[in-house]
PDB file of N, CA and C in Angstrom:
ATOM      1  N   MET A   1      25.176  23.398  -1.408  1.00  0.00           N
ATOM      2  CA  MET A   1      26.177  22.786  -0.561  1.00  0.00           C
ATOM      3  C   MET A   1      25.538  22.407   0.757  1.00  0.00           C
ATOM      4  N   GLY A   2      25.018  21.273   0.918  1.00  0.00           N
ATOM      5  CA  GLY A   2      24.377  20.891   2.151  1.00  0.00           C
ATOM      6  C   GLY A   2      22.902  21.243   2.206  1.00  0.00           C
ATOM      7  N   ASN A   3      22.413  22.026   1.233  1.00  0.00           N
ATOM      8  CA  ASN A   3      21.001  22.373   1.193  1.00  0.00           C
ATOM      9  C   ASN A   3      20.244  21.607   0.117  1.00  0.00           C
ATOM     10  N   GLU A   4      20.896  20.587  -0.429  1.00  0.00           N
ATOM     11  CA  GLU A   4      20.245  19.803  -1.467  1.00  0.00           C
ATOM     12  C   GLU A   4      19.072  19.049  -0.850  1.00  0.00           C
ATOM     13  N   PRO A   5      17.952  18.993  -1.580  1.00  0.00           N
ATOM     14  CA  PRO A   5      16.813  18.246  -1.047  1.00  0.00           C
ATOM     15  C   PRO A   5      17.146  16.757  -0.975  1.00  0.00           C
ATOM     16  N   ALA A   6      16.622  16.135   0.040  1.00  0.00           N
ATOM     17  CA  ALA A   6      16.818  14.693   0.188  1.00  0.00           C
ATOM     18  C   ALA A   6      16.047  13.985  -0.912  1.00  0.00           C
ATOM     19  N   PRO A   7      16.553  12.861  -1.384  1.00  0.00           N
ATOM     20  CA  PRO A   7      15.813  12.126  -2.403  1.00  0.00           C
ATOM     21  C   PRO A   7      14.492  11.626  -1.821  1.00  0.00           C
ATOM     22  N   PRO A   8      13.453  11.555  -2.640  1.00  0.00           N
ATOM     23  CA  PRO A   8      12.163  11.101  -2.127  1.00  0.00           C
ATOM     24  C   PRO A   8      12.259   9.669  -1.618  1.00  0.00           C
ATOM     25  N   ARG A   9      11.625   9.426  -0.477  1.00  0.00           N
ATOM     26  CA  ARG A   9      11.622   8.082   0.105  1.00  0.00           C
ATOM     27  C   ARG A   9      10.185   7.635   0.289  1.00  0.00           C
ATOM     28  N   PRO A  10       9.882   6.389  -0.037  1.00  0.00           N
ATOM     29  CA  PRO A  10       8.512   5.905   0.065  1.00  0.00           C
ATOM     30  C   PRO A  10       8.151   5.427   1.468  1.00  0.00           C
ATOM     31  N   LEU A  11       8.890   5.862   2.480  1.00  0.00           N
ATOM     32  CA  LEU A  11       8.688   5.317   3.819  1.00  0.00           C
ATOM     33  C   LEU A  11       7.264   5.512   4.301  1.00  0.00           C
ATOM     34  N   LYS A  12       6.730   6.724   4.198  1.00  0.00           N
ATOM     35  CA  LYS A  12       5.364   6.951   4.651  1.00  0.00           C
ATOM     36  C   LYS A  12       4.403   6.061   3.878  1.00  0.00           C
ATOM     37  N   GLY A  13       4.607   5.963   2.590  1.00  0.00           N
ATOM     38  CA  GLY A  13       3.764   5.105   1.764  1.00  0.00           C
ATOM     39  C   GLY A  13       3.904   3.642   2.131  1.00  0.00           C
ATOM     40  N   LEU A  14       5.125   3.206   2.399  1.00  0.00           N
ATOM     41  CA  LEU A  14       5.349   1.818   2.786  1.00  0.00           C
ATOM     42  C   LEU A  14       4.683   1.531   4.121  1.00  0.00           C
ATOM     43  N   LEU A  15       4.789   2.456   5.069  1.00  0.00           N
ATOM     44  CA  LEU A  15       4.156   2.252   6.369  1.00  0.00           C
ATOM     45  C   LEU A  15       2.636   2.171   6.234  1.00  0.00           C
ATOM     46  N   LEU A  16       2.066   3.029   5.406  1.00  0.00           N
ATOM     47  CA  LEU A  16       0.626   3.015   5.190  1.00  0.00           C
ATOM     48  C   LEU A  16       0.192   1.740   4.466  1.00  0.00           C
ATOM     49  N   ALA A  17       0.963   1.328   3.480  1.00  0.00           N
ATOM     50  CA  ALA A  17       0.660   0.091   2.761  1.00  0.00           C
ATOM     51  C   ALA A  17       0.732  -1.102   3.712  1.00  0.00           C
ATOM     52  N   ARG A  18       1.778  -1.151   4.515  1.00  0.00           N
ATOM     53  CA  ARG A  18       1.909  -2.247   5.488  1.00  0.00           C
ATOM     54  C   ARG A  18       0.750  -2.250   6.478  1.00  0.00           C
ATOM     55  N   ALA A  19       0.376  -1.075   6.959  1.00  0.00           N
ATOM     56  CA  ALA A  19      -0.717  -0.985   7.927  1.00  0.00           C
ATOM     57  C   ALA A  19      -2.021  -1.500   7.312  1.00  0.00           C
ATOM     58  N   ALA A  20      -2.314  -1.105   6.083  1.00  0.00           N
ATOM     59  CA  ALA A  20      -3.546  -1.536   5.422  1.00  0.00           C
ATOM     60  C   ALA A  20      -3.537  -3.044   5.185  1.00  0.00           C
ATOM     61  N   LEU A  21      -2.427  -3.559   4.681  1.00  0.00           N
ATOM     62  CA  LEU A  21      -2.334  -4.995   4.416  1.00  0.00           C
ATOM     63  C   LEU A  21      -2.400  -5.797   5.707  1.00  0.00           C
ATOM     64  N   SER A  22      -1.723  -5.329   6.725  1.00  0.00           N
ATOM     65  CA  SER A  22      -1.725  -6.018   8.010  1.00  0.00           C
ATOM     66  C   SER A  22      -3.128  -6.044   8.598  1.00  0.00           C
ATOM     67  N   GLN A  23      -3.789  -4.893   8.590  1.00  0.00           N
ATOM     68  CA  GLN A  23      -5.146  -4.796   9.129  1.00  0.00           C
ATOM     69  C   GLN A  23      -6.110  -5.691   8.353  1.00  0.00           C
ATOM     70  N   ALA A  24      -6.009  -5.668   7.043  1.00  0.00           N
ATOM     71  CA  ALA A  24      -6.951  -6.407   6.196  1.00  0.00           C
ATOM     72  C   ALA A  24      -6.713  -7.912   6.226  1.00  0.00           C
ATOM     73  N   LEU A  25      -5.451  -8.311   6.295  1.00  0.00           N
ATOM     74  CA  LEU A  25      -5.117  -9.724   6.119  1.00  0.00           C
ATOM     75  C   LEU A  25      -4.686 -10.420   7.399  1.00  0.00           C
ATOM     76  N   GLY A  26      -4.482  -9.649   8.467  1.00  0.00           N
ATOM     77  CA  GLY A  26      -4.040 -10.251   9.717  1.00  0.00           C
ATOM     78  C   GLY A  26      -2.605 -10.743   9.681  1.00  0.00           C
ATOM     79  N   VAL A  27      -1.806 -10.134   8.827  1.00  0.00           N
ATOM     80  CA  VAL A  27      -0.393 -10.478   8.689  1.00  0.00           C
ATOM     81  C   VAL A  27       0.419  -9.427   9.440  1.00  0.00           C
ATOM     82  N   PRO A  28       1.414  -9.825  10.235  1.00  0.00           N
ATOM     83  CA  PRO A  28       2.240  -8.809  10.907  1.00  0.00           C
ATOM     84  C   PRO A  28       2.867  -7.854   9.889  1.00  0.00           C
ATOM     85  N   ALA A  29       2.795  -6.572  10.193  1.00  0.00           N
ATOM     86  CA  ALA A  29       3.288  -5.549   9.265  1.00  0.00           C
ATOM     87  C   ALA A  29       4.751  -5.750   8.904  1.00  0.00           C
ATOM     88  N   ASP A  30       5.558  -6.217   9.857  1.00  0.00           N
ATOM     89  CA  ASP A  30       6.984  -6.379   9.561  1.00  0.00           C
ATOM     90  C   ASP A  30       7.262  -7.554   8.623  1.00  0.00           C
ATOM     91  N   MET A  31       6.245  -8.359   8.326  1.00  0.00           N
ATOM     92  CA  MET A  31       6.414  -9.451   7.358  1.00  0.00           C
ATOM     93  C   MET A  31       6.087  -9.005   5.940  1.00  0.00           C
ATOM     94  N   ILE A  32       5.569  -7.779   5.797  1.00  0.00           N
ATOM     95  CA  ILE A  32       5.161  -7.280   4.486  1.00  0.00           C
ATOM     96  C   ILE A  32       6.313  -6.467   3.906  1.00  0.00           C
ATOM     97  N   GLN A  33       6.882  -6.981   2.838  1.00  0.00           N
ATOM     98  CA  GLN A  33       8.028  -6.342   2.204  1.00  0.00           C
ATOM     99  C   GLN A  33       7.583  -5.489   1.018  1.00  0.00           C
ATOM    100  N   GLU A  34       8.412  -4.529   0.675  1.00  0.00           N
ATOM    101  CA  GLU A  34       8.095  -3.608  -0.412  1.00  0.00           C
ATOM    102  C   GLU A  34       7.906  -4.319  -1.748  1.00  0.00           C
ATOM    103  N   ASP A  35       8.549  -5.458  -1.930  1.00  0.00           N
ATOM    104  CA  ASP A  35       8.417  -6.182  -3.191  1.00  0.00           C
ATOM    105  C   ASP A  35       7.331  -7.260  -3.139  1.00  0.00           C
ATOM    106  N   GLY A  36       6.510  -7.258  -2.075  1.00  0.00           N
ATOM    107  CA  GLY A  36       5.434  -8.237  -1.941  1.00  0.00           C
ATOM    108  C   GLY A  36       4.342  -8.024  -2.974  1.00  0.00           C
ATOM    109  N   ARG A  37       3.721  -9.130  -3.348  1.00  0.00           N
ATOM    110  CA  ARG A  37       2.691  -9.078  -4.387  1.00  0.00           C
ATOM    111  C   ARG A  37       1.460  -9.872  -3.952  1.00  0.00           C
ATOM    112  N   MET A  38       0.339  -9.536  -4.568  1.00  0.00           N
ATOM    113  CA  MET A  38      -0.884 -10.290  -4.375  1.00  0.00           C
ATOM    114  C   MET A  38      -0.608 -11.741  -4.742  1.00  0.00           C
ATOM    115  N   GLY A  39      -1.053 -12.667  -3.922  1.00  0.00           N
ATOM    116  CA  GLY A  39      -0.795 -14.078  -4.166  1.00  0.00           C
ATOM    117  C   GLY A  39       0.433 -14.569  -3.423  1.00  0.00           C
ATOM    118  N   GLU A  40       1.341 -13.674  -3.036  1.00  0.00           N
ATOM    119  CA  GLU A  40       2.538 -14.037  -2.275  1.00  0.00           C
ATOM    120  C   GLU A  40       2.366 -13.770  -0.789  1.00  0.00           C
ATOM    121  N   ILE A  41       1.611 -12.737  -0.450  1.00  0.00           N
ATOM    122  CA  ILE A  41       1.359 -12.382   0.944  1.00  0.00           C
ATOM    123  C   ILE A  41       0.148 -13.192   1.397  1.00  0.00           C
ATOM    124  N   PRO A  42       0.267 -13.915   2.511  1.00  0.00           N
ATOM    125  CA  PRO A  42      -0.827 -14.778   2.957  1.00  0.00           C
ATOM    126  C   PRO A  42      -2.154 -14.019   3.074  1.00  0.00           C
ATOM    127  N   GLY A  43      -3.183 -14.584   2.441  1.00  0.00           N
ATOM    128  CA  GLY A  43      -4.514 -13.996   2.491  1.00  0.00           C
ATOM    129  C   GLY A  43      -4.804 -12.976   1.406  1.00  0.00           C
ATOM    130  N   TRP A  44      -3.775 -12.532   0.688  1.00  0.00           N
ATOM    131  CA  TRP A  44      -4.007 -11.531  -0.354  1.00  0.00           C
ATOM    132  C   TRP A  44      -4.325 -12.232  -1.665  1.00  0.00           C
ATOM    133  N   ASP A  45      -5.585 -12.649  -1.751  1.00  0.00           N
ATOM    134  CA  ASP A  45      -6.108 -13.254  -2.966  1.00  0.00           C
ATOM    135  C   ASP A  45      -7.244 -12.355  -3.453  1.00  0.00           C
ATOM    136  N   SER A  46      -8.053 -12.834  -4.370  1.00  0.00           N
ATOM    137  CA  SER A  46      -9.109 -11.968  -4.920  1.00  0.00           C
ATOM    138  C   SER A  46     -10.119 -11.554  -3.852  1.00  0.00           C
ATOM    139  N   VAL A  47     -10.398 -12.417  -2.902  1.00  0.00           N
ATOM    140  CA  VAL A  47     -11.326 -12.068  -1.822  1.00  0.00           C
ATOM    141  C   VAL A  47     -10.655 -11.122  -0.829  1.00  0.00           C
ATOM    142  N   GLY A  48      -9.427 -11.452  -0.416  1.00  0.00           N
ATOM    143  CA  GLY A  48      -8.679 -10.602   0.502  1.00  0.00           C
ATOM    144  C   GLY A  48      -8.409  -9.225  -0.071  1.00  0.00           C
ATOM    145  N   HIS A  49      -8.372  -9.136  -1.383  1.00  0.00           N
ATOM    146  CA  HIS A  49      -8.096  -7.859  -2.036  1.00  0.00           C
ATOM    147  C   HIS A  49      -9.153  -6.812  -1.675  1.00  0.00           C
ATOM    148  N   LEU A  50     -10.394  -7.240  -1.566  1.00  0.00           N
ATOM    149  CA  LEU A  50     -11.461  -6.306  -1.199  1.00  0.00           C
ATOM    150  C   LEU A  50     -11.217  -5.735   0.192  1.00  0.00           C
ATOM    151  N   SER A  51     -10.764  -6.579   1.110  1.00  0.00           N
ATOM    152  CA  SER A  51     -10.443  -6.106   2.462  1.00  0.00           C
ATOM    153  C   SER A  51      -9.264  -5.146   2.446  1.00  0.00           C
ATOM    154  N   VAL A  52      -8.290  -5.424   1.589  1.00  0.00           N
ATOM    155  CA  VAL A  52      -7.127  -4.542   1.463  1.00  0.00           C
ATOM    156  C   VAL A  52      -7.574  -3.162   0.984  1.00  0.00           C
ATOM    157  N   VAL A  53      -8.423  -3.123  -0.020  1.00  0.00           N
ATOM    158  CA  VAL A  53      -8.901  -1.850  -0.569  1.00  0.00           C
ATOM    159  C   VAL A  53      -9.675  -1.070   0.493  1.00  0.00           C
ATOM    160  N   VAL A  54     -10.550  -1.744   1.224  1.00  0.00           N
ATOM    161  CA  VAL A  54     -11.331  -1.070   2.267  1.00  0.00           C
ATOM    162  C   VAL A  54     -10.406  -0.514   3.343  1.00  0.00           C
ATOM    163  N   ALA A  55      -9.432  -1.311   3.783  1.00  0.00           N
ATOM    164  CA  ALA A  55      -8.493  -0.852   4.812  1.00  0.00           C
ATOM    165  C   ALA A  55      -7.671   0.331   4.304  1.00  0.00           C
ATOM    166  N   LEU A  56      -7.218   0.256   3.060  1.00  0.00           N
ATOM    167  CA  LEU A  56      -6.430   1.353   2.492  1.00  0.00           C
ATOM    168  C   LEU A  56      -7.271   2.631   2.408  1.00  0.00           C
ATOM    169  N   GLU A  57      -8.516   2.516   1.981  1.00  0.00           N
ATOM    170  CA  GLU A  57      -9.383   3.687   1.923  1.00  0.00           C
ATOM    171  C   GLU A  57      -9.626   4.258   3.322  1.00  0.00           C
ATOM    172  N   ASP A  58      -9.864   3.386   4.290  1.00  0.00           N
ATOM    173  CA  ASP A  58     -10.110   3.840   5.661  1.00  0.00           C
ATOM    174  C   ASP A  58      -8.893   4.553   6.245  1.00  0.00           C
ATOM    175  N   LEU A  59      -7.715   3.982   6.059  1.00  0.00           N
ATOM    176  CA  LEU A  59      -6.502   4.551   6.652  1.00  0.00           C
ATOM    177  C   LEU A  59      -6.017   5.813   5.942  1.00  0.00           C
ATOM    178  N   SER A  60      -6.265   5.890   4.643  1.00  0.00           N
ATOM    179  CA  SER A  60      -5.743   7.017   3.861  1.00  0.00           C
ATOM    180  C   SER A  60      -6.764   8.130   3.644  1.00  0.00           C
ATOM    181  N   GLY A  61      -8.040   7.804   3.779  1.00  0.00           N
ATOM    182  CA  GLY A  61      -9.077   8.780   3.477  1.00  0.00           C
ATOM    183  C   GLY A  61      -9.386   8.890   1.991  1.00  0.00           C
ATOM    184  N   LEU A  62      -8.761   8.050   1.189  1.00  0.00           N
ATOM    185  CA  LEU A  62      -8.985   8.062  -0.259  1.00  0.00           C
ATOM    186  C   LEU A  62     -10.243   7.278  -0.618  1.00  0.00           C
ATOM    187  N   ARG A  63     -10.811   7.580  -1.764  1.00  0.00           N
ATOM    188  CA  ARG A  63     -11.844   6.755  -2.377  1.00  0.00           C
ATOM    189  C   ARG A  63     -11.291   6.366  -3.736  1.00  0.00           C
ATOM    190  N   LEU A  64     -11.084   5.075  -3.925  1.00  0.00           N
ATOM    191  CA  LEU A  64     -10.415   4.592  -5.121  1.00  0.00           C
ATOM    192  C   LEU A  64     -11.406   4.254  -6.220  1.00  0.00           C
ATOM    193  N   SER A  65     -11.007   4.531  -7.451  1.00  0.00           N
ATOM    194  CA  SER A  65     -11.814   4.155  -8.607  1.00  0.00           C
ATOM    195  C   SER A  65     -11.628   2.662  -8.871  1.00  0.00           C
ATOM    196  N   LEU A  66     -12.506   2.096  -9.656  1.00  0.00           N
ATOM    197  CA  LEU A  66     -12.398   0.693 -10.036  1.00  0.00           C
ATOM    198  C   LEU A  66     -11.064   0.433 -10.744  1.00  0.00           C
ATOM    199  N   PHE A  67     -10.676   1.360 -11.596  1.00  0.00           N
ATOM    200  CA  PHE A  67      -9.397   1.238 -12.303  1.00  0.00           C
ATOM    201  C   PHE A  67      -8.239   1.192 -11.303  1.00  0.00           C
ATOM    202  N   GLU A  68      -8.266   2.084 -10.309  1.00  0.00           N
ATOM    203  CA  GLU A  68      -7.188   2.132  -9.319  1.00  0.00           C
ATOM    204  C   GLU A  68      -7.145   0.864  -8.477  1.00  0.00           C
ATOM    205  N   LEU A  69      -8.285   0.400  -8.014  1.00  0.00           N
ATOM    206  CA  LEU A  69      -8.253  -0.770  -7.140  1.00  0.00           C
ATOM    207  C   LEU A  69      -7.829  -2.025  -7.883  1.00  0.00           C
ATOM    208  N   ARG A  70      -8.136  -2.103  -9.158  1.00  0.00           N
ATOM    209  CA  ARG A  70      -7.682  -3.255  -9.955  1.00  0.00           C
ATOM    210  C   ARG A  70      -6.168  -3.265 -10.128  1.00  0.00           C
ATOM    211  N   ALA A  71      -5.558  -2.094 -10.127  1.00  0.00           N
ATOM    212  CA  ALA A  71      -4.114  -1.988 -10.354  1.00  0.00           C
ATOM    213  C   ALA A  71      -3.292  -2.284  -9.097  1.00  0.00           C
ATOM    214  N   LEU A  72      -3.929  -2.359  -7.943  1.00  0.00           N
ATOM    215  CA  LEU A  72      -3.203  -2.534  -6.682  1.00  0.00           C
ATOM    216  C   LEU A  72      -2.892  -4.005  -6.423  1.00  0.00           C
ATOM    217  N   THR A  73      -1.968  -4.542  -7.186  1.00  0.00           N
ATOM    218  CA  THR A  73      -1.638  -5.963  -7.067  1.00  0.00           C
ATOM    219  C   THR A  73      -0.272  -6.202  -6.432  1.00  0.00           C
ATOM    220  N   SER A  74       0.333  -5.135  -5.921  1.00  0.00           N
ATOM    221  CA  SER A  74       1.619  -5.270  -5.238  1.00  0.00           C
ATOM    222  C   SER A  74       1.770  -4.145  -4.225  1.00  0.00           C
ATOM    223  N   VAL A  75       2.652  -4.353  -3.284  1.00  0.00           N
ATOM    224  CA  VAL A  75       2.946  -3.311  -2.305  1.00  0.00           C
ATOM    225  C   VAL A  75       3.481  -2.081  -3.035  1.00  0.00           C
ATOM    226  N   ARG A  76       4.344  -2.277  -4.004  1.00  0.00           N
ATOM    227  CA  ARG A  76       4.906  -1.163  -4.778  1.00  0.00           C
ATOM    228  C   ARG A  76       3.794  -0.386  -5.473  1.00  0.00           C
ATOM    229  N   ALA A  77       2.789  -1.074  -6.031  1.00  0.00           N
ATOM    230  CA  ALA A  77       1.681  -0.393  -6.704  1.00  0.00           C
ATOM    231  C   ALA A  77       0.889   0.460  -5.708  1.00  0.00           C
ATOM    232  N   ILE A  78       0.718  -0.042  -4.479  1.00  0.00           N
ATOM    233  CA  ILE A  78       0.025   0.738  -3.452  1.00  0.00           C
ATOM    234  C   ILE A  78       0.834   1.993  -3.126  1.00  0.00           C
ATOM    235  N   ILE A  79       2.140   1.843  -2.940  1.00  0.00           N
ATOM    236  CA  ILE A  79       3.005   2.988  -2.637  1.00  0.00           C
ATOM    237  C   ILE A  79       2.956   3.995  -3.774  1.00  0.00           C
ATOM    238  N   ASP A  80       3.027   3.528  -5.007  1.00  0.00           N
ATOM    239  CA  ASP A  80       2.982   4.430  -6.165  1.00  0.00           C
ATOM    240  C   ASP A  80       1.663   5.187  -6.224  1.00  0.00           C
ATOM    241  N   LEU A  81       0.550   4.510  -5.923  1.00  0.00           N
ATOM    242  CA  LEU A  81      -0.742   5.178  -5.909  1.00  0.00           C
ATOM    243  C   LEU A  81      -0.768   6.243  -4.811  1.00  0.00           C
ATOM    244  N   LEU A  82      -0.294   5.891  -3.620  1.00  0.00           N
ATOM    245  CA  LEU A  82      -0.270   6.847  -2.518  1.00  0.00           C
ATOM    246  C   LEU A  82       0.586   8.060  -2.873  1.00  0.00           C
ATOM    247  N   ARG A  83       1.708   7.823  -3.522  1.00  0.00           N
ATOM    248  CA  ARG A  83       2.580   8.919  -3.944  1.00  0.00           C
ATOM    249  C   ARG A  83       1.858   9.810  -4.955  1.00  0.00           C
ATOM    250  N   SER A  84       1.136   9.200  -5.879  1.00  0.00           N
ATOM    251  CA  SER A  84       0.425   9.994  -6.897  1.00  0.00           C
ATOM    252  C   SER A  84      -0.665  10.850  -6.266  1.00  0.00           C
ATOM    253  N   LYS A  85      -1.148  10.454  -5.097  1.00  0.00           N
ATOM    254  CA  LYS A  85      -2.186  11.202  -4.387  1.00  0.00           C
ATOM    255  C   LYS A  85      -1.597  12.130  -3.337  1.00  0.00           C
ATOM    256  N   GLY A  86      -0.256  12.208  -3.273  1.00  0.00           N
ATOM    257  CA  GLY A  86       0.396  13.092  -2.335  1.00  0.00           C
ATOM    258  C   GLY A  86       0.485  12.543  -0.914  1.00  0.00           C
ATOM    259  N   LEU A  87       0.339  11.240  -0.767  1.00  0.00           N
ATOM    260  CA  LEU A  87       0.351  10.628   0.561  1.00  0.00           C
ATOM    261  C   LEU A  87       1.599   9.804   0.845  1.00  0.00           C
ATOM    262  N   ALA A  88       2.593   9.919   0.012  1.00  0.00           N
ATOM    263  CA  ALA A  88       3.824   9.144   0.247  1.00  0.00           C
ATOM    264  C   ALA A  88       5.030  10.022  -0.028  1.00  0.00           C
TER     265      ALA A  88
END
């Protein structure tokens, strides 16, 4: 009664994803939406993707496998990865 745990929220993950994308692509963080995808966010193409991965690793302290970095084709995928690593 009032002690129920709050439902999980991806806010920390979304903020980290926005920060990495903004830093890597030079896009204002508030323009990056949770449903954004590679190819839709300005600069997030195959070349920009490498910058996104580097920024995400720098900001999170993670080292991503080739499999993981290939799967990061959307903001949601980044949040899901961060959650799986305990960072969201």
